[in-house]
């Protein structure tokens, strides 16, 4: 069984989680052009490597960040957004 670490309660089966997408920094809404917004919303590189992703643990209602190597599907760490998503 594959496990994922919830920062609040520890390792849990992946069936308890929902993937929320890659963590990406949103452009400034007051300064972004239509082209910048379109790029943010629709374009991804798809390149393999270490990515920061949003995940949701359903039983504890916790959104958190997982740093995962998409080439190996290995999770390097998980943390709450205020614990260092930069």
PDB file of N, CA and C in Angstrom:
ATOM      1  N   UNK A   1       0.841  -1.168   0.000  1.00  0.00           N
ATOM      2  CA  UNK A   1       0.000   0.000   0.000  1.00  0.00           C
ATOM      3  C   UNK A   1       0.890   1.235   0.000  1.00  0.00           C
ATOM      4  N   UNK A   2       0.543   2.187  -0.860  1.00  0.00           N
ATOM      5  CA  UNK A   2       1.301   3.428  -0.938  1.00  0.00           C
ATOM      6  C   UNK A   2       0.792   4.397   0.126  1.00  0.00           C
ATOM      7  N   UNK A   3       1.729   5.043   0.809  1.00  0.00           N
ATOM      8  CA  UNK A   3       1.403   5.983   1.877  1.00  0.00           C
ATOM      9  C   UNK A   3       1.880   7.385   1.515  1.00  0.00           C
ATOM     10  N   UNK A   4       1.207   8.370   2.069  1.00  0.00           N
ATOM     11  CA  UNK A   4       1.611   9.763   1.941  1.00  0.00           C
ATOM     12  C   UNK A   4       1.517  10.379   3.327  1.00  0.00           C
ATOM     13  N   UNK A   5       2.483  11.227   3.656  1.00  0.00           N
ATOM     14  CA  UNK A   5       2.517  11.862   4.976  1.00  0.00           C
ATOM     15  C   UNK A   5       1.622  13.086   5.023  1.00  0.00           C
ATOM     16  N   UNK A   6       0.615  13.051   5.873  1.00  0.00           N
ATOM     17  CA  UNK A   6      -0.170  14.251   6.187  1.00  0.00           C
ATOM     18  C   UNK A   6       0.621  15.001   7.260  1.00  0.00           C
ATOM     19  N   UNK A   7       0.904  16.287   7.055  1.00  0.00           N
ATOM     20  CA  UNK A   7       1.675  17.027   8.063  1.00  0.00           C
ATOM     21  C   UNK A   7       1.013  17.061   9.438  1.00  0.00           C
ATOM     22  N   UNK A   8      -0.298  16.847   9.496  1.00  0.00           N
ATOM     23  CA  UNK A   8      -0.990  16.889  10.784  1.00  0.00           C
ATOM     24  C   UNK A   8      -1.018  15.553  11.508  1.00  0.00           C
ATOM     25  N   UNK A   9      -1.203  14.446  10.771  1.00  0.00           N
ATOM     26  CA  UNK A   9      -1.376  13.163  11.467  1.00  0.00           C
ATOM     27  C   UNK A   9      -0.449  12.051  10.998  1.00  0.00           C
ATOM     28  N   UNK A  10       0.453  12.324  10.071  1.00  0.00           N
ATOM     29  CA  UNK A  10       1.427  11.325   9.669  1.00  0.00           C
ATOM     30  C   UNK A  10       1.020  10.510   8.451  1.00  0.00           C
ATOM     31  N   UNK A  11       1.682   9.371   8.287  1.00  0.00           N
ATOM     32  CA  UNK A  11       1.508   8.532   7.096  1.00  0.00           C
ATOM     33  C   UNK A  11       0.112   7.925   7.032  1.00  0.00           C
ATOM     34  N   UNK A  12      -0.508   8.077   5.862  1.00  0.00           N
ATOM     35  CA  UNK A  12      -1.856   7.564   5.617  1.00  0.00           C
ATOM     36  C   UNK A  12      -1.916   6.997   4.204  1.00  0.00           C
ATOM     37  N   UNK A  13      -2.846   6.071   3.928  1.00  0.00           N
ATOM     38  CA  UNK A  13      -2.993   5.522   2.579  1.00  0.00           C
ATOM     39  C   UNK A  13      -3.335   6.630   1.572  1.00  0.00           C
ATOM     40  N   UNK A  14      -2.783   6.540   0.380  1.00  0.00           N
ATOM     41  CA  UNK A  14      -3.011   7.589  -0.618  1.00  0.00           C
ATOM     42  C   UNK A  14      -4.481   7.720  -1.014  1.00  0.00           C
ATOM     43  N   UNK A  15      -5.298   6.713  -0.771  1.00  0.00           N
ATOM     44  CA  UNK A  15      -6.732   6.798  -1.077  1.00  0.00           C
ATOM     45  C   UNK A  15      -7.425   7.891  -0.263  1.00  0.00           C
ATOM     46  N   UNK A  16      -6.796   8.353   0.811  1.00  0.00           N
ATOM     47  CA  UNK A  16      -7.377   9.403   1.646  1.00  0.00           C
ATOM     48  C   UNK A  16      -7.067  10.805   1.134  1.00  0.00           C
ATOM     49  N   UNK A  17      -6.322  10.911   0.043  1.00  0.00           N
ATOM     50  CA  UNK A  17      -5.846  12.205  -0.437  1.00  0.00           C
ATOM     51  C   UNK A  17      -6.407  12.546  -1.815  1.00  0.00           C
ATOM     52  N   UNK A  18      -6.469  13.832  -2.086  1.00  0.00           N
ATOM     53  CA  UNK A  18      -6.833  14.336  -3.400  1.00  0.00           C
ATOM     54  C   UNK A  18      -5.729  15.264  -3.879  1.00  0.00           C
ATOM     55  N   UNK A  19      -5.299  15.066  -5.130  1.00  0.00           N
ATOM     56  CA  UNK A  19      -4.277  15.906  -5.747  1.00  0.00           C
ATOM     57  C   UNK A  19      -4.882  17.244  -6.133  1.00  0.00           C
ATOM     58  N   UNK A  20      -4.189  18.332  -5.816  1.00  0.00           N
ATOM     59  CA  UNK A  20      -4.709  19.664  -6.099  1.00  0.00           C
ATOM     60  C   UNK A  20      -3.967  20.432  -7.166  1.00  0.00           C
ATOM     61  N   UNK A  21      -2.943  19.845  -7.755  1.00  0.00           N
ATOM     62  CA  UNK A  21      -2.201  20.525  -8.811  1.00  0.00           C
ATOM     63  C   UNK A  21      -0.873  21.077  -8.330  1.00  0.00           C
ATOM     64  N   UNK A  22      -0.076  21.454  -9.298  1.00  0.00           N
ATOM     65  CA  UNK A  22       1.249  21.992  -9.005  1.00  0.00           C
ATOM     66  C   UNK A  22       1.133  23.373  -8.354  1.00  0.00           C
ATOM     67  N   UNK A  23       1.984  23.615  -7.354  1.00  0.00           N
ATOM     68  CA  UNK A  23       2.058  24.929  -6.720  1.00  0.00           C
ATOM     69  C   UNK A  23       2.753  25.871  -7.692  1.00  0.00           C
ATOM     70  N   UNK A  24       2.023  26.876  -8.104  1.00  0.00           N
ATOM     71  CA  UNK A  24       2.596  27.868  -9.012  1.00  0.00           C
ATOM     72  C   UNK A  24       2.236  29.246  -8.490  1.00  0.00           C
ATOM     73  N   UNK A  25       3.121  30.174  -8.659  1.00  0.00           N
ATOM     74  CA  UNK A  25       2.886  31.520  -8.160  1.00  0.00           C
ATOM     75  C   UNK A  25       2.058  32.314  -9.167  1.00  0.00           C
ATOM     76  N   UNK A  26       0.969  32.858  -8.678  1.00  0.00           N
ATOM     77  CA  UNK A  26       0.037  33.607  -9.505  1.00  0.00           C
ATOM     78  C   UNK A  26       0.614  34.983  -9.830  1.00  0.00           C
ATOM     79  N   UNK A  27       0.443  35.435 -11.071  1.00  0.00           N
ATOM     80  CA  UNK A  27       0.883  36.800 -11.388  1.00  0.00           C
ATOM     81  C   UNK A  27       0.040  37.828 -10.634  1.00  0.00           C
ATOM     82  N   UNK A  28       0.562  38.995 -10.486  1.00  0.00           N
ATOM     83  CA  UNK A  28      -0.145  40.080  -9.810  1.00  0.00           C
ATOM     84  C   UNK A  28      -1.413  40.424 -10.597  1.00  0.00           C
ATOM     85  N   UNK A  29      -2.593  40.263  -9.988  1.00  0.00           N
ATOM     86  CA  UNK A  29      -3.840  40.510 -10.710  1.00  0.00           C
ATOM     87  C   UNK A  29      -3.976  41.945 -11.238  1.00  0.00           C
ATOM     88  N   UNK A  30      -3.339  42.892 -10.575  1.00  0.00           N
ATOM     89  CA  UNK A  30      -3.442  44.297 -11.000  1.00  0.00           C
ATOM     90  C   UNK A  30      -2.471  44.653 -12.115  1.00  0.00           C
ATOM     91  N   UNK A  31      -1.481  43.800 -12.335  1.00  0.00           N
ATOM     92  CA  UNK A  31      -0.447  44.127 -13.311  1.00  0.00           C
ATOM     93  C   UNK A  31      -0.391  43.174 -14.510  1.00  0.00           C
ATOM     94  N   UNK A  32      -0.967  41.996 -14.384  1.00  0.00           N
ATOM     95  CA  UNK A  32      -0.828  40.968 -15.420  1.00  0.00           C
ATOM     96  C   UNK A  32      -1.617  41.303 -16.680  1.00  0.00           C
ATOM     97  N   UNK A  33      -1.016  41.014 -17.802  1.00  0.00           N
ATOM     98  CA  UNK A  33      -1.708  41.175 -19.088  1.00  0.00           C
ATOM     99  C   UNK A  33      -2.568  39.937 -19.337  1.00  0.00           C
ATOM    100  N   UNK A  34      -3.436  40.008 -20.331  1.00  0.00           N
ATOM    101  CA  UNK A  34      -4.250  38.849 -20.699  1.00  0.00           C
ATOM    102  C   UNK A  34      -3.361  37.677 -21.098  1.00  0.00           C
ATOM    103  N   UNK A  35      -2.277  37.950 -21.779  1.00  0.00           N
ATOM    104  CA  UNK A  35      -1.349  36.887 -22.206  1.00  0.00           C
ATOM    105  C   UNK A  35      -0.688  36.229 -20.993  1.00  0.00           C
ATOM    106  N   UNK A  36      -0.326  37.016 -19.989  1.00  0.00           N
ATOM    107  CA  UNK A  36       0.271  36.453 -18.775  1.00  0.00           C
ATOM    108  C   UNK A  36      -0.727  35.583 -18.025  1.00  0.00           C
ATOM    109  N   UNK A  37      -1.996  36.026 -17.956  1.00  0.00           N
ATOM    110  CA  UNK A  37      -3.030  35.226 -17.300  1.00  0.00           C
ATOM    111  C   UNK A  37      -3.260  33.925 -18.050  1.00  0.00           C
ATOM    112  N   UNK A  38      -3.341  33.993 -19.359  1.00  0.00           N
ATOM    113  CA  UNK A  38      -3.537  32.788 -20.165  1.00  0.00           C
ATOM    114  C   UNK A  38      -2.383  31.819 -19.958  1.00  0.00           C
ATOM    115  N   UNK A  39      -1.167  32.332 -19.913  1.00  0.00           N
ATOM    116  CA  UNK A  39      -0.002  31.480 -19.691  1.00  0.00           C
ATOM    117  C   UNK A  39      -0.081  30.810 -18.320  1.00  0.00           C
ATOM    118  N   UNK A  40      -0.451  31.567 -17.302  1.00  0.00           N
ATOM    119  CA  UNK A  40      -0.576  31.025 -15.945  1.00  0.00           C
ATOM    120  C   UNK A  40      -1.646  29.942 -15.869  1.00  0.00           C
ATOM    121  N   UNK A  41      -2.788  30.177 -16.473  1.00  0.00           N
ATOM    122  CA  UNK A  41      -3.912  29.253 -16.370  1.00  0.00           C
ATOM    123  C   UNK A  41      -3.703  27.996 -17.216  1.00  0.00           C
ATOM    124  N   UNK A  42      -3.182  28.132 -18.424  1.00  0.00           N
ATOM    125  CA  UNK A  42      -3.212  27.024 -19.372  1.00  0.00           C
ATOM    126  C   UNK A  42      -1.879  26.336 -19.646  1.00  0.00           C
ATOM    127  N   UNK A  43      -0.771  26.997 -19.472  1.00  0.00           N
ATOM    128  CA  UNK A  43       0.507  26.432 -19.919  1.00  0.00           C
ATOM    129  C   UNK A  43       1.302  25.793 -18.789  1.00  0.00           C
ATOM    130  N   UNK A  44       1.795  24.603 -19.052  1.00  0.00           N
ATOM    131  CA  UNK A  44       2.683  23.876 -18.137  1.00  0.00           C
ATOM    132  C   UNK A  44       3.820  23.314 -18.982  1.00  0.00           C
ATOM    133  N   UNK A  45       4.975  23.147 -18.364  1.00  0.00           N
ATOM    134  CA  UNK A  45       6.086  22.591 -19.121  1.00  0.00           C
ATOM    135  C   UNK A  45       5.974  21.078 -19.241  1.00  0.00           C
ATOM    136  N   UNK A  46       5.420  20.440 -18.207  1.00  0.00           N
ATOM    137  CA  UNK A  46       5.318  18.982 -18.221  1.00  0.00           C
ATOM    138  C   UNK A  46       6.647  18.285 -18.011  1.00  0.00           C
ATOM    139  N   UNK A  47       7.700  19.053 -17.769  1.00  0.00           N
ATOM    140  CA  UNK A  47       9.022  18.468 -17.573  1.00  0.00           C
ATOM    141  C   UNK A  47       9.067  17.707 -16.252  1.00  0.00           C
ATOM    142  N   UNK A  48       9.698  16.547 -16.271  1.00  0.00           N
ATOM    143  CA  UNK A  48       9.871  15.776 -15.050  1.00  0.00           C
ATOM    144  C   UNK A  48      10.853  16.448 -14.110  1.00  0.00           C
ATOM    145  N   UNK A  49      10.733  16.150 -12.849  1.00  0.00           N
ATOM    146  CA  UNK A  49      11.642  16.705 -11.862  1.00  0.00           C
ATOM    147  C   UNK A  49      10.942  16.912 -10.540  1.00  0.00           C
ATOM    148  N   UNK A  50      11.592  17.616  -9.636  1.00  0.00           N
ATOM    149  CA  UNK A  50      11.036  17.885  -8.314  1.00  0.00           C
ATOM    150  C   UNK A  50      10.036  19.027  -8.436  1.00  0.00           C
ATOM    151  N   UNK A  51       8.812  18.766  -8.010  1.00  0.00           N
ATOM    152  CA  UNK A  51       7.728  19.748  -8.078  1.00  0.00           C
ATOM    153  C   UNK A  51       7.114  19.910  -6.694  1.00  0.00           C
ATOM    154  N   UNK A  52       6.598  21.086  -6.423  1.00  0.00           N
ATOM    155  CA  UNK A  52       5.803  21.321  -5.221  1.00  0.00           C
ATOM    156  C   UNK A  52       4.353  21.278  -5.659  1.00  0.00           C
ATOM    157  N   UNK A  53       3.546  20.458  -4.955  1.00  0.00           N
ATOM    158  CA  UNK A  53       2.168  20.219  -5.358  1.00  0.00           C
ATOM    159  C   UNK A  53       1.223  20.390  -4.177  1.00  0.00           C
ATOM    160  N   UNK A  54       0.026  20.856  -4.496  1.00  0.00           N
ATOM    161  CA  UNK A  54      -1.042  20.912  -3.504  1.00  0.00           C
ATOM    162  C   UNK A  54      -1.640  19.527  -3.343  1.00  0.00           C
ATOM    163  N   UNK A  55      -1.867  19.119  -2.092  1.00  0.00           N
ATOM    164  CA  UNK A  55      -2.579  17.881  -1.773  1.00  0.00           C
ATOM    165  C   UNK A  55      -3.568  18.179  -0.665  1.00  0.00           C
ATOM    166  N   UNK A  56      -4.651  17.414  -0.642  1.00  0.00           N
ATOM    167  CA  UNK A  56      -5.691  17.586   0.368  1.00  0.00           C
ATOM    168  C   UNK A  56      -5.926  16.252   1.058  1.00  0.00           C
ATOM    169  N   UNK A  57      -5.809  16.247   2.391  1.00  0.00           N
ATOM    170  CA  UNK A  57      -6.113  15.044   3.162  1.00  0.00           C
ATOM    171  C   UNK A  57      -7.570  15.148   3.586  1.00  0.00           C
ATOM    172  N   UNK A  58      -8.409  14.296   3.010  1.00  0.00           N
ATOM    173  CA  UNK A  58      -9.860  14.394   3.200  1.00  0.00           C
ATOM    174  C   UNK A  58     -10.282  14.208   4.662  1.00  0.00           C
ATOM    175  N   UNK A  59      -9.852  13.155   5.368  1.00  0.00           N
ATOM    176  CA  UNK A  59     -10.341  12.968   6.748  1.00  0.00           C
ATOM    177  C   UNK A  59     -10.014  14.118   7.702  1.00  0.00           C
ATOM    178  N   UNK A  60      -8.856  14.765   7.524  1.00  0.00           N
ATOM    179  CA  UNK A  60      -8.499  15.860   8.431  1.00  0.00           C
ATOM    180  C   UNK A  60      -8.770  17.238   7.829  1.00  0.00           C
ATOM    181  N   UNK A  61      -9.278  17.267   6.595  1.00  0.00           N
ATOM    182  CA  UNK A  61      -9.574  18.528   5.891  1.00  0.00           C
ATOM    183  C   UNK A  61      -8.359  19.449   5.864  1.00  0.00           C
ATOM    184  N   UNK A  62      -7.201  18.893   5.519  1.00  0.00           N
ATOM    185  CA  UNK A  62      -5.951  19.639   5.538  1.00  0.00           C
ATOM    186  C   UNK A  62      -5.377  19.793   4.132  1.00  0.00           C
ATOM    187  N   UNK A  63      -5.198  21.040   3.691  1.00  0.00           N
ATOM    188  CA  UNK A  63      -4.444  21.321   2.471  1.00  0.00           C
ATOM    189  C   UNK A  63      -2.976  21.472   2.860  1.00  0.00           C
ATOM    190  N   UNK A  64      -2.090  20.877   2.073  1.00  0.00           N
ATOM    191  CA  UNK A  64      -0.656  20.977   2.346  1.00  0.00           C
ATOM    192  C   UNK A  64       0.129  20.864   1.047  1.00  0.00           C
ATOM    193  N   UNK A  65       1.423  21.046   1.158  1.00  0.00           N
ATOM    194  CA  UNK A  65       2.317  20.960   0.007  1.00  0.00           C
ATOM    195  C   UNK A  65       3.149  19.682   0.123  1.00  0.00           C
ATOM    196  N   UNK A  66       3.247  18.964  -0.992  1.00  0.00           N
ATOM    197  CA  UNK A  66       4.154  17.821  -1.081  1.00  0.00           C
ATOM    198  C   UNK A  66       5.215  18.162  -2.120  1.00  0.00           C
ATOM    199  N   UNK A  67       6.444  17.965  -1.757  1.00  0.00           N
ATOM    200  CA  UNK A  67       7.542  18.128  -2.699  1.00  0.00           C
ATOM    201  C   UNK A  67       7.832  16.739  -3.249  1.00  0.00           C
ATOM    202  N   UNK A  68       7.559  16.542  -4.567  1.00  0.00           N
ATOM    203  CA  UNK A  68       7.593  15.206  -5.152  1.00  0.00           C
ATOM    204  C   UNK A  68       8.422  15.208  -6.420  1.00  0.00           C
ATOM    205  N   UNK A  69       9.245  14.170  -6.581  1.00  0.00           N
ATOM    206  CA  UNK A  69       9.991  13.984  -7.823  1.00  0.00           C
ATOM    207  C   UNK A  69       9.081  13.228  -8.784  1.00  0.00           C
ATOM    208  N   UNK A  70       8.620  13.903  -9.824  1.00  0.00           N
ATOM    209  CA  UNK A  70       7.666  13.294 -10.747  1.00  0.00           C
ATOM    210  C   UNK A  70       8.304  12.220 -11.630  1.00  0.00           C
ATOM    211  N   UNK A  71       9.632  12.168 -11.697  1.00  0.00           N
ATOM    212  CA  UNK A  71      10.306  11.116 -12.480  1.00  0.00           C
ATOM    213  C   UNK A  71      10.239   9.774 -11.765  1.00  0.00           C
ATOM    214  N   UNK A  72      10.250   9.803 -10.437  1.00  0.00           N
ATOM    215  CA  UNK A  72      10.273   8.566  -9.648  1.00  0.00           C
ATOM    216  C   UNK A  72       9.015   8.389  -8.798  1.00  0.00           C
ATOM    217  N   UNK A  73       8.169   9.400  -8.736  1.00  0.00           N
ATOM    218  CA  UNK A  73       6.976   9.446  -7.887  1.00  0.00           C
ATOM    219  C   UNK A  73       7.342   9.324  -6.408  1.00  0.00           C
ATOM    220  N   UNK A  74       8.521   9.790  -6.060  1.00  0.00           N
ATOM    221  CA  UNK A  74       8.985   9.752  -4.673  1.00  0.00           C
ATOM    222  C   UNK A  74       8.700  11.091  -4.005  1.00  0.00           C
ATOM    223  N   UNK A  75       8.006  11.058  -2.874  1.00  0.00           N
ATOM    224  CA  UNK A  75       7.716  12.269  -2.115  1.00  0.00           C
ATOM    225  C   UNK A  75       8.908  12.553  -1.206  1.00  0.00           C
ATOM    226  N   UNK A  76       9.479  13.737  -1.362  1.00  0.00           N
ATOM    227  CA  UNK A  76      10.663  14.117  -0.600  1.00  0.00           C
ATOM    228  C   UNK A  76      10.302  14.682   0.768  1.00  0.00           C
ATOM    229  N   UNK A  77       9.205  15.445   0.815  1.00  0.00           N
ATOM    230  CA  UNK A  77       8.731  15.987   2.087  1.00  0.00           C
ATOM    231  C   UNK A  77       7.327  16.533   1.896  1.00  0.00           C
ATOM    232  N   UNK A  78       6.625  16.684   3.003  1.00  0.00           N
ATOM    233  CA  UNK A  78       5.318  17.344   3.012  1.00  0.00           C
ATOM    234  C   UNK A  78       5.335  18.393   4.110  1.00  0.00           C
ATOM    235  N   UNK A  79       4.603  19.485   3.882  1.00  0.00           N
ATOM    236  CA  UNK A  79       4.574  20.549   4.882  1.00  0.00           C
ATOM    237  C   UNK A  79       3.364  21.438   4.659  1.00  0.00           C
ATOM    238  N   UNK A  80       2.952  22.099   5.722  1.00  0.00           N
ATOM    239  CA  UNK A  80       1.876  23.078   5.633  1.00  0.00           C
ATOM    240  C   UNK A  80       2.407  24.324   4.934  1.00  0.00           C
ATOM    241  N   UNK A  81       1.549  25.053   4.287  1.00  0.00           N
ATOM    242  CA  UNK A  81       1.981  26.202   3.467  1.00  0.00           C
ATOM    243  C   UNK A  81       2.782  27.216   4.278  1.00  0.00           C
ATOM    244  N   UNK A  82       2.453  27.423   5.529  1.00  0.00           N
ATOM    245  CA  UNK A  82       3.176  28.403   6.338  1.00  0.00           C
ATOM    246  C   UNK A  82       4.495  27.865   6.896  1.00  0.00           C
ATOM    247  N   UNK A  83       4.855  26.642   6.520  1.00  0.00           N
ATOM    248  CA  UNK A  83       6.114  26.045   6.996  1.00  0.00           C
ATOM    249  C   UNK A  83       7.204  26.072   5.942  1.00  0.00           C
ATOM    250  N   UNK A  84       7.048  26.848   4.881  1.00  0.00           N
ATOM    251  CA  UNK A  84       8.152  26.996   3.945  1.00  0.00           C
ATOM    252  C   UNK A  84       7.901  26.533   2.539  1.00  0.00           C
ATOM    253  N   UNK A  85       6.892  27.039   1.897  1.00  0.00           N
ATOM    254  CA  UNK A  85       6.596  26.653   0.523  1.00  0.00           C
ATOM    255  C   UNK A  85       7.470  27.364  -0.492  1.00  0.00           C
ATOM    256  N   UNK A  86       8.296  28.264  -0.066  1.00  0.00           N
ATOM    257  CA  UNK A  86       9.105  29.027  -1.030  1.00  0.00           C
ATOM    258  C   UNK A  86      10.253  28.213  -1.578  1.00  0.00           C
TER     259      UNK A  86
END
